[in-house]
Amino acid sequence: MKIDGTKIKILRKKLKLTIQQLADEVRLSPSA
């Protein structure tokens, strides 16, 4: 199964979220 991680970035940017904000929302580390 191949995952396209750039789609995470696309959705994040559409919601105008920083990586840190997304990390806080989904309870994952910003580096991950």
Full PDB file with SEQRES, HELIX, SHEET, SSBOND, CRYST1, ORIGX, SCALE, CONECT and MASTER records, all heavy atoms in Angstrom:
SEQRES   1 A   32  MET LYS ILE ASP GLY THR LYS ILE LYS ILE LEU ARG LYS          
SEQRES   2 A   32  LYS LEU LYS LEU THR ILE GLN GLN LEU ALA ASP GLU VAL          
SEQRES   3 A   32  ARG LEU SER PRO SER ALA                                      
HELIX    1 AA1 THR A    6  LYS A   14  1                                   9    
HELIX    2 AA2 ILE A   19  VAL A   26  1                                   8    
CRYST1    1.000    1.000    1.000  90.00  90.00  90.00 P 1           1          
ORIGX1      1.000000  0.000000  0.000000        0.00000                         
ORIGX2      0.000000  1.000000  0.000000        0.00000                         
ORIGX3      0.000000  0.000000  1.000000        0.00000                         
SCALE1      1.000000  0.000000  0.000000        0.00000                         
SCALE2      0.000000  1.000000  0.000000        0.00000                         
SCALE3      0.000000  0.000000  1.000000        0.00000                         
ATOM      1  N   MET A   1       0.850  -1.181   0.000  1.00  0.00           N  
ATOM      2  CA  MET A   1       0.000   0.000   0.000  1.00  0.00           C  
ATOM      3  C   MET A   1       0.890   1.235   0.000  1.00  0.00           C  
ATOM      4  O   MET A   1       1.691   1.444   0.888  1.00  0.00           O  
ATOM      5  CB  MET A   1      -0.892  -0.051   1.247  1.00  0.00           C  
ATOM      6  CG  MET A   1      -1.671   1.184   1.504  1.00  0.00           C  
ATOM      7  SD  MET A   1      -2.935   1.003   2.778  1.00  0.00           S  
ATOM      8  CE  MET A   1      -1.989   0.913   4.266  1.00  0.00           C  
ATOM      9  N   LYS A   2       0.759   2.064  -1.022  1.00  0.00           N  
ATOM     10  CA  LYS A   2       1.551   3.281  -1.153  1.00  0.00           C  
ATOM     11  C   LYS A   2       0.704   4.471  -0.712  1.00  0.00           C  
ATOM     12  O   LYS A   2      -0.418   4.646  -1.164  1.00  0.00           O  
ATOM     13  CB  LYS A   2       1.994   3.450  -2.610  1.00  0.00           C  
ATOM     14  CG  LYS A   2       2.796   4.673  -2.871  1.00  0.00           C  
ATOM     15  CD  LYS A   2       4.243   4.331  -3.121  1.00  0.00           C  
ATOM     16  CE  LYS A   2       4.986   5.525  -3.670  1.00  0.00           C  
ATOM     17  NZ  LYS A   2       5.662   6.295  -2.695  1.00  0.00           N  
ATOM     18  N   ILE A   3       1.250   5.261   0.179  1.00  0.00           N  
ATOM     19  CA  ILE A   3       0.563   6.434   0.730  1.00  0.00           C  
ATOM     20  C   ILE A   3       1.195   7.697   0.166  1.00  0.00           C  
ATOM     21  O   ILE A   3       2.418   7.804   0.094  1.00  0.00           O  
ATOM     22  CB  ILE A   3       0.674   6.451   2.269  1.00  0.00           C  
ATOM     23  CG1 ILE A   3       0.120   5.168   2.874  1.00  0.00           C  
ATOM     24  CG2 ILE A   3       0.000   7.674   2.865  1.00  0.00           C  
ATOM     25  CD1 ILE A   3      -1.327   4.912   2.578  1.00  0.00           C  
ATOM     26  N   ASP A   4       0.357   8.663  -0.211  1.00  0.00           N  
ATOM     27  CA  ASP A   4       0.845   9.950  -0.700  1.00  0.00           C  
ATOM     28  C   ASP A   4       0.775  10.960   0.441  1.00  0.00           C  
ATOM     29  O   ASP A   4      -0.273  11.541   0.710  1.00  0.00           O  
ATOM     30  CB  ASP A   4       0.008  10.408  -1.893  1.00  0.00           C  
ATOM     31  CG  ASP A   4       0.536  11.683  -2.531  1.00  0.00           C  
ATOM     32  OD1 ASP A   4       1.484  12.276  -1.989  1.00  0.00           O  
ATOM     33  OD2 ASP A   4       0.007  12.072  -3.583  1.00  0.00           O  
ATOM     34  N   GLY A   5       1.899  11.173   1.124  1.00  0.00           N  
ATOM     35  CA  GLY A   5       1.951  12.088   2.256  1.00  0.00           C  
ATOM     36  C   GLY A   5       1.758  13.536   1.880  1.00  0.00           C  
ATOM     37  O   GLY A   5       1.367  14.358   2.714  1.00  0.00           O  
ATOM     38  N   THR A   6       2.005  13.882   0.608  1.00  0.00           N  
ATOM     39  CA  THR A   6       1.815  15.280   0.205  1.00  0.00           C  
ATOM     40  C   THR A   6       0.347  15.686   0.322  1.00  0.00           C  
ATOM     41  O   THR A   6       0.043  16.868   0.465  1.00  0.00           O  
ATOM     42  CB  THR A   6       2.305  15.518  -1.237  1.00  0.00           C  
ATOM     43  OG1 THR A   6       1.558  14.686  -2.129  1.00  0.00           O  
ATOM     44  CG2 THR A   6       3.787  15.244  -1.371  1.00  0.00           C  
ATOM     45  N   LYS A   7      -0.563  14.711   0.297  1.00  0.00           N  
ATOM     46  CA  LYS A   7      -1.983  15.033   0.433  1.00  0.00           C  
ATOM     47  C   LYS A   7      -2.301  15.547   1.836  1.00  0.00           C  
ATOM     48  O   LYS A   7      -3.220  16.336   2.011  1.00  0.00           O  
ATOM     49  CB  LYS A   7      -2.839  13.823   0.068  1.00  0.00           C  
ATOM     50  CG  LYS A   7      -2.767  13.504  -1.422  1.00  0.00           C  
ATOM     51  CD  LYS A   7      -3.668  12.361  -1.788  1.00  0.00           C  
ATOM     52  CE  LYS A   7      -3.600  12.109  -3.285  1.00  0.00           C  
ATOM     53  NZ  LYS A   7      -4.531  11.049  -3.688  1.00  0.00           N  
ATOM     54  N   ILE A   8      -1.532  15.111   2.820  1.00  0.00           N  
ATOM     55  CA  ILE A   8      -1.692  15.646   4.181  1.00  0.00           C  
ATOM     56  C   ILE A   8      -1.374  17.130   4.161  1.00  0.00           C  
ATOM     57  O   ILE A   8      -2.107  17.953   4.697  1.00  0.00           O  
ATOM     58  CB  ILE A   8      -0.796  14.894   5.189  1.00  0.00           C  
ATOM     59  CG1 ILE A   8      -1.186  13.419   5.266  1.00  0.00           C  
ATOM     60  CG2 ILE A   8      -0.864  15.556   6.574  1.00  0.00           C  
ATOM     61  CD1 ILE A   8      -0.193  12.550   6.001  1.00  0.00           C  
ATOM     62  N   LYS A   9      -0.278  17.466   3.490  1.00  0.00           N  
ATOM     63  CA  LYS A   9       0.148  18.869   3.393  1.00  0.00           C  
ATOM     64  C   LYS A   9      -0.891  19.705   2.654  1.00  0.00           C  
ATOM     65  O   LYS A   9      -1.215  20.822   3.067  1.00  0.00           O  
ATOM     66  CB  LYS A   9       1.500  18.957   2.692  1.00  0.00           C  
ATOM     67  CG  LYS A   9       2.054  20.351   2.619  1.00  0.00           C  
ATOM     68  CD  LYS A   9       3.435  20.345   2.000  1.00  0.00           C  
ATOM     69  CE  LYS A   9       4.066  21.720   2.013  1.00  0.00           C  
ATOM     70  NZ  LYS A   9       5.426  21.688   1.474  1.00  0.00           N  
ATOM     71  N   ILE A  10      -1.431  19.167   1.569  1.00  0.00           N  
ATOM     72  CA  ILE A  10      -2.434  19.893   0.788  1.00  0.00           C  
ATOM     73  C   ILE A  10      -3.652  20.219   1.652  1.00  0.00           C  
ATOM     74  O   ILE A  10      -4.114  21.365   1.690  1.00  0.00           O  
ATOM     75  CB  ILE A  10      -2.841  19.074  -0.459  1.00  0.00           C  
ATOM     76  CG1 ILE A  10      -1.683  19.028  -1.457  1.00  0.00           C  
ATOM     77  CG2 ILE A  10      -4.096  19.643  -1.113  1.00  0.00           C  
ATOM     78  CD1 ILE A  10      -1.855  17.999  -2.555  1.00  0.00           C  
ATOM     79  N   LEU A  11      -4.158  19.220   2.369  1.00  0.00           N  
ATOM     80  CA  LEU A  11      -5.332  19.443   3.223  1.00  0.00           C  
ATOM     81  C   LEU A  11      -5.007  20.392   4.371  1.00  0.00           C  
ATOM     82  O   LEU A  11      -5.810  21.250   4.729  1.00  0.00           O  
ATOM     83  CB  LEU A  11      -5.861  18.117   3.751  1.00  0.00           C  
ATOM     84  CG  LEU A  11      -6.462  17.174   2.709  1.00  0.00           C  
ATOM     85  CD1 LEU A  11      -6.806  15.839   3.346  1.00  0.00           C  
ATOM     86  CD2 LEU A  11      -7.689  17.783   2.067  1.00  0.00           C  
ATOM     87  N   ARG A  12      -3.825  20.242   4.945  1.00  0.00           N  
ATOM     88  CA  ARG A  12      -3.413  21.103   6.053  1.00  0.00           C  
ATOM     89  C   ARG A  12      -3.367  22.558   5.585  1.00  0.00           C  
ATOM     90  O   ARG A  12      -3.878  23.456   6.252  1.00  0.00           O  
ATOM     91  CB  ARG A  12      -2.042  20.669   6.579  1.00  0.00           C  
ATOM     92  CG  ARG A  12      -1.489  21.573   7.677  1.00  0.00           C  
ATOM     93  CD  ARG A  12      -0.144  21.096   8.198  1.00  0.00           C  
ATOM     94  NE  ARG A  12       0.913  21.049   7.219  1.00  0.00           N  
ATOM     95  CZ  ARG A  12       1.598  22.126   6.784  1.00  0.00           C  
ATOM     96  NH1 ARG A  12       1.292  23.327   7.231  1.00  0.00           N  
ATOM     97  NH2 ARG A  12       2.574  21.986   5.908  1.00  0.00           N  
ATOM     98  N   LYS A  13      -2.781  22.787   4.429  1.00  0.00           N  
ATOM     99  CA  LYS A  13      -2.669  24.163   3.908  1.00  0.00           C  
ATOM    100  C   LYS A  13      -4.031  24.745   3.554  1.00  0.00           C  
ATOM    101  O   LYS A  13      -4.264  25.936   3.746  1.00  0.00           O  
ATOM    102  CB  LYS A  13      -1.733  24.187   2.708  1.00  0.00           C  
ATOM    103  CG  LYS A  13      -0.300  23.866   3.085  1.00  0.00           C  
ATOM    104  CD  LYS A  13       0.638  24.817   2.436  1.00  0.00           C  
ATOM    105  CE  LYS A  13       2.045  24.524   2.871  1.00  0.00           C  
ATOM    106  NZ  LYS A  13       2.648  25.641   3.522  1.00  0.00           N  
ATOM    107  N   LYS A  14      -4.944  23.898   3.036  1.00  0.00           N  
ATOM    108  CA  LYS A  14      -6.292  24.385   2.718  1.00  0.00           C  
ATOM    109  C   LYS A  14      -7.012  24.856   3.970  1.00  0.00           C  
ATOM    110  O   LYS A  14      -7.831  25.764   3.919  1.00  0.00           O  
ATOM    111  CB  LYS A  14      -7.103  23.309   2.003  1.00  0.00           C  
ATOM    112  CG  LYS A  14      -6.715  23.155   0.555  1.00  0.00           C  
ATOM    113  CD  LYS A  14      -7.610  22.183  -0.170  1.00  0.00           C  
ATOM    114  CE  LYS A  14      -7.152  22.077  -1.607  1.00  0.00           C  
ATOM    115  NZ  LYS A  14      -8.017  21.220  -2.401  1.00  0.00           N  
ATOM    116  N   LEU A  15      -6.700  24.227   5.093  1.00  0.00           N  
ATOM    117  CA  LEU A  15      -7.300  24.644   6.364  1.00  0.00           C  
ATOM    118  C   LEU A  15      -6.487  25.734   7.058  1.00  0.00           C  
ATOM    119  O   LEU A  15      -6.816  26.139   8.171  1.00  0.00           O  
ATOM    120  CB  LEU A  15      -7.451  23.435   7.295  1.00  0.00           C  
ATOM    121  CG  LEU A  15      -8.419  22.355   6.835  1.00  0.00           C  
ATOM    122  CD1 LEU A  15      -8.468  21.214   7.837  1.00  0.00           C  
ATOM    123  CD2 LEU A  15      -9.805  22.914   6.618  1.00  0.00           C  
ATOM    124  N   LYS A  16      -5.399  26.153   6.402  1.00  0.00           N  
ATOM    125  CA  LYS A  16      -4.526  27.210   6.921  1.00  0.00           C  
ATOM    126  C   LYS A  16      -3.966  26.862   8.300  1.00  0.00           C  
ATOM    127  O   LYS A  16      -3.939  27.680   9.212  1.00  0.00           O  
ATOM    128  CB  LYS A  16      -5.259  28.544   6.953  1.00  0.00           C  
ATOM    129  CG  LYS A  16      -5.648  29.031   5.577  1.00  0.00           C  
ATOM    130  CD  LYS A  16      -6.343  30.371   5.636  1.00  0.00           C  
ATOM    131  CE  LYS A  16      -6.529  30.882   4.237  1.00  0.00           C  
ATOM    132  NZ  LYS A  16      -7.835  30.980   3.753  1.00  0.00           N  
ATOM    133  N   LEU A  17      -3.511  25.605   8.423  1.00  0.00           N  
ATOM    134  CA  LEU A  17      -2.920  25.136   9.675  1.00  0.00           C  
ATOM    135  C   LEU A  17      -1.417  24.989   9.505  1.00  0.00           C  
ATOM    136  O   LEU A  17      -0.939  24.592   8.443  1.00  0.00           O  
ATOM    137  CB  LEU A  17      -3.495  23.770  10.058  1.00  0.00           C  
ATOM    138  CG  LEU A  17      -4.977  23.686  10.399  1.00  0.00           C  
ATOM    139  CD1 LEU A  17      -5.397  22.242  10.574  1.00  0.00           C  
ATOM    140  CD2 LEU A  17      -5.276  24.476  11.657  1.00  0.00           C  
ATOM    141  N   THR A  18      -0.677  25.299  10.548  1.00  0.00           N  
ATOM    142  CA  THR A  18       0.750  25.000  10.560  1.00  0.00           C  
ATOM    143  C   THR A  18       0.920  23.526  10.924  1.00  0.00           C  
ATOM    144  O   THR A  18      -0.018  22.881  11.398  1.00  0.00           O  
ATOM    145  CB  THR A  18       1.492  25.864  11.604  1.00  0.00           C  
ATOM    146  OG1 THR A  18       1.011  25.504  12.905  1.00  0.00           O  
ATOM    147  CG2 THR A  18       1.285  27.348  11.355  1.00  0.00           C  
ATOM    148  N   ILE A  19       2.119  23.015  10.724  1.00  0.00           N  
ATOM    149  CA  ILE A  19       2.384  21.630  11.128  1.00  0.00           C  
ATOM    150  C   ILE A  19       2.155  21.485  12.632  1.00  0.00           C  
ATOM    151  O   ILE A  19       1.572  20.507  13.083  1.00  0.00           O  
ATOM    152  CB  ILE A  19       3.815  21.201  10.725  1.00  0.00           C  
ATOM    153  CG1 ILE A  19       3.898  21.018   9.212  1.00  0.00           C  
ATOM    154  CG2 ILE A  19       4.217  19.916  11.429  1.00  0.00           C  
ATOM    155  CD1 ILE A  19       5.273  20.659   8.685  1.00  0.00           C  
ATOM    156  N   GLN A  20       2.589  22.476  13.400  1.00  0.00           N  
ATOM    157  CA  GLN A  20       2.409  22.423  14.857  1.00  0.00           C  
ATOM    158  C   GLN A  20       0.930  22.396  15.235  1.00  0.00           C  
ATOM    159  O   GLN A  20       0.513  21.629  16.106  1.00  0.00           O  
ATOM    160  CB  GLN A  20       3.095  23.616  15.528  1.00  0.00           C  
ATOM    161  CG  GLN A  20       2.986  23.611  17.052  1.00  0.00           C  
ATOM    162  CD  GLN A  20       3.693  22.420  17.690  1.00  0.00           C  
ATOM    163  OE1 GLN A  20       4.872  22.217  17.461  1.00  0.00           O  
ATOM    164  NE2 GLN A  20       2.973  21.626  18.473  1.00  0.00           N  
ATOM    165  N   GLN A  21       0.110  23.216  14.567  1.00  0.00           N  
ATOM    166  CA  GLN A  21      -1.324  23.242  14.866  1.00  0.00           C  
ATOM    167  C   GLN A  21      -1.973  21.899  14.537  1.00  0.00           C  
ATOM    168  O   GLN A  21      -2.792  21.390  15.309  1.00  0.00           O  
ATOM    169  CB  GLN A  21      -2.012  24.362  14.081  1.00  0.00           C  
ATOM    170  CG  GLN A  21      -1.658  25.749  14.584  1.00  0.00           C  
ATOM    171  CD  GLN A  21      -2.142  26.840  13.642  1.00  0.00           C  
ATOM    172  OE1 GLN A  21      -2.108  26.693  12.428  1.00  0.00           O  
ATOM    173  NE2 GLN A  21      -2.582  27.950  14.231  1.00  0.00           N  
ATOM    174  N   LEU A  22      -1.602  21.328  13.385  1.00  0.00           N  
ATOM    175  CA  LEU A  22      -2.141  20.019  13.022  1.00  0.00           C  
ATOM    176  C   LEU A  22      -1.692  18.968  14.029  1.00  0.00           C  
ATOM    177  O   LEU A  22      -2.488  18.141  14.468  1.00  0.00           O  
ATOM    178  CB  LEU A  22      -1.706  19.618  11.609  1.00  0.00           C  
ATOM    179  CG  LEU A  22      -2.148  18.230  11.136  1.00  0.00           C  
ATOM    180  CD1 LEU A  22      -3.670  18.089  11.171  1.00  0.00           C  
ATOM    181  CD2 LEU A  22      -1.608  17.950   9.744  1.00  0.00           C  
ATOM    182  N   ALA A  23      -0.434  19.025  14.426  1.00  0.00           N  
ATOM    183  CA  ALA A  23       0.093  18.070  15.407  1.00  0.00           C  
ATOM    184  C   ALA A  23      -0.686  18.154  16.714  1.00  0.00           C  
ATOM    185  O   ALA A  23      -1.034  17.126  17.308  1.00  0.00           O  
ATOM    186  CB  ALA A  23       1.579  18.337  15.649  1.00  0.00           C  
ATOM    187  N   ASP A  24      -0.983  19.362  17.158  1.00  0.00           N  
ATOM    188  CA  ASP A  24      -1.758  19.537  18.387  1.00  0.00           C  
ATOM    189  C   ASP A  24      -3.166  18.962  18.239  1.00  0.00           C  
ATOM    190  O   ASP A  24      -3.692  18.348  19.169  1.00  0.00           O  
ATOM    191  CB  ASP A  24      -1.860  21.021  18.762  1.00  0.00           C  
ATOM    192  CG  ASP A  24      -0.526  21.604  19.200  1.00  0.00           C  
ATOM    193  OD1 ASP A  24       0.410  20.831  19.522  1.00  0.00           O  
ATOM    194  OD2 ASP A  24      -0.395  22.850  19.191  1.00  0.00           O  
ATOM    195  N   GLU A  25      -3.777  19.158  17.075  1.00  0.00           N  
ATOM    196  CA  GLU A  25      -5.144  18.682  16.838  1.00  0.00           C  
ATOM    197  C   GLU A  25      -5.235  17.162  16.804  1.00  0.00           C  
ATOM    198  O   GLU A  25      -6.185  16.585  17.315  1.00  0.00           O  
ATOM    199  CB  GLU A  25      -5.697  19.250  15.526  1.00  0.00           C  
ATOM    200  CG  GLU A  25      -5.988  20.733  15.563  1.00  0.00           C  
ATOM    201  CD  GLU A  25      -7.173  21.081  16.445  1.00  0.00           C  
ATOM    202  OE1 GLU A  25      -8.119  20.283  16.544  1.00  0.00           O  
ATOM    203  OE2 GLU A  25      -7.145  22.165  17.048  1.00  0.00           O  
ATOM    204  N   VAL A  26      -4.256  16.518  16.160  1.00  0.00           N  
ATOM    205  CA  VAL A  26      -4.331  15.059  15.980  1.00  0.00           C  
ATOM    206  C   VAL A  26      -3.466  14.297  16.972  1.00  0.00           C  
ATOM    207  O   VAL A  26      -3.377  13.084  16.919  1.00  0.00           O  
ATOM    208  CB  VAL A  26      -3.996  14.639  14.527  1.00  0.00           C  
ATOM    209  CG1 VAL A  26      -4.999  15.222  13.552  1.00  0.00           C  
ATOM    210  CG2 VAL A  26      -2.577  15.016  14.147  1.00  0.00           C  
ATOM    211  N   ARG A  27      -2.822  15.030  17.878  1.00  0.00           N  
ATOM    212  CA  ARG A  27      -2.012  14.417  18.940  1.00  0.00           C  
ATOM    213  C   ARG A  27      -0.860  13.562  18.386  1.00  0.00           C  
ATOM    214  O   ARG A  27      -0.634  12.446  18.817  1.00  0.00           O  
ATOM    215  CB  ARG A  27      -2.871  13.569  19.873  1.00  0.00           C  
ATOM    216  CG  ARG A  27      -4.021  14.307  20.506  1.00  0.00           C  
ATOM    217  CD  ARG A  27      -3.538  15.132  21.676  1.00  0.00           C  
ATOM    218  NE  ARG A  27      -4.648  15.586  22.481  1.00  0.00           N  
ATOM    219  CZ  ARG A  27      -4.902  16.876  22.686  1.00  0.00           C  
ATOM    220  NH1 ARG A  27      -4.142  17.785  22.167  1.00  0.00           N  
ATOM    221  NH2 ARG A  27      -5.904  17.225  23.450  1.00  0.00           N  
ATOM    222  N   LEU A  28      -0.156  14.134  17.388  1.00  0.00           N  
ATOM    223  CA  LEU A  28       1.048  13.520  16.841  1.00  0.00           C  
ATOM    224  C   LEU A  28       2.172  14.529  16.935  1.00  0.00           C  
ATOM    225  O   LEU A  28       1.934  15.722  17.115  1.00  0.00           O  
ATOM    226  CB  LEU A  28       0.832  13.110  15.380  1.00  0.00           C  
ATOM    227  CG  LEU A  28      -0.203  12.022  15.120  1.00  0.00           C  
ATOM    228  CD1 LEU A  28      -0.473  11.900  13.623  1.00  0.00           C  
ATOM    229  CD2 LEU A  28       0.262  10.685  15.671  1.00  0.00           C  
ATOM    230  N   SER A  29       3.394  14.081  16.769  1.00  0.00           N  
ATOM    231  CA  SER A  29       4.513  15.020  16.846  1.00  0.00           C  
ATOM    232  C   SER A  29       4.644  15.792  15.533  1.00  0.00           C  
ATOM    233  O   SER A  29       4.376  15.247  14.457  1.00  0.00           O  
ATOM    234  CB  SER A  29       5.822  14.287  17.149  1.00  0.00           C  
ATOM    235  OG  SER A  29       6.258  13.589  16.010  1.00  0.00           O  
ATOM    236  N   PRO A  30       5.044  17.068  15.615  1.00  0.00           N  
ATOM    237  CA  PRO A  30       5.237  17.859  14.398  1.00  0.00           C  
ATOM    238  C   PRO A  30       6.282  17.233  13.472  1.00  0.00           C  
ATOM    239  O   PRO A  30       6.134  17.285  12.254  1.00  0.00           O  
ATOM    240  CB  PRO A  30       5.705  19.223  14.907  1.00  0.00           C  
ATOM    241  CG  PRO A  30       5.377  19.254  16.347  1.00  0.00           C  
ATOM    242  CD  PRO A  30       5.280  17.846  16.820  1.00  0.00           C  
ATOM    243  N   SER A  31       7.316  16.632  14.045  1.00  0.00           N  
ATOM    244  CA  SER A  31       8.355  16.041  13.196  1.00  0.00           C  
ATOM    245  C   SER A  31       7.804  14.856  12.409  1.00  0.00           C  
ATOM    246  O   SER A  31       8.139  14.669  11.233  1.00  0.00           O  
ATOM    247  CB  SER A  31       9.568  15.625  14.028  1.00  0.00           C  
ATOM    248  OG  SER A  31       9.218  14.635  14.968  1.00  0.00           O  
ATOM    249  N   ALA A  32       6.933  14.045  13.018  1.00  0.00           N  
ATOM    250  CA  ALA A  32       6.328  12.918  12.301  1.00  0.00           C  
ATOM    251  C   ALA A  32       5.469  13.428  11.145  1.00  0.00           C  
ATOM    252  O   ALA A  32       5.553  12.916  10.025  1.00  0.00           O  
ATOM    253  CB  ALA A  32       5.494  12.069  13.246  1.00  0.00           C  
TER     254      ALA A  32                                                      
MASTER        0    0    0    2    0    0    0    6  253    1    0    3          
END                                                                             
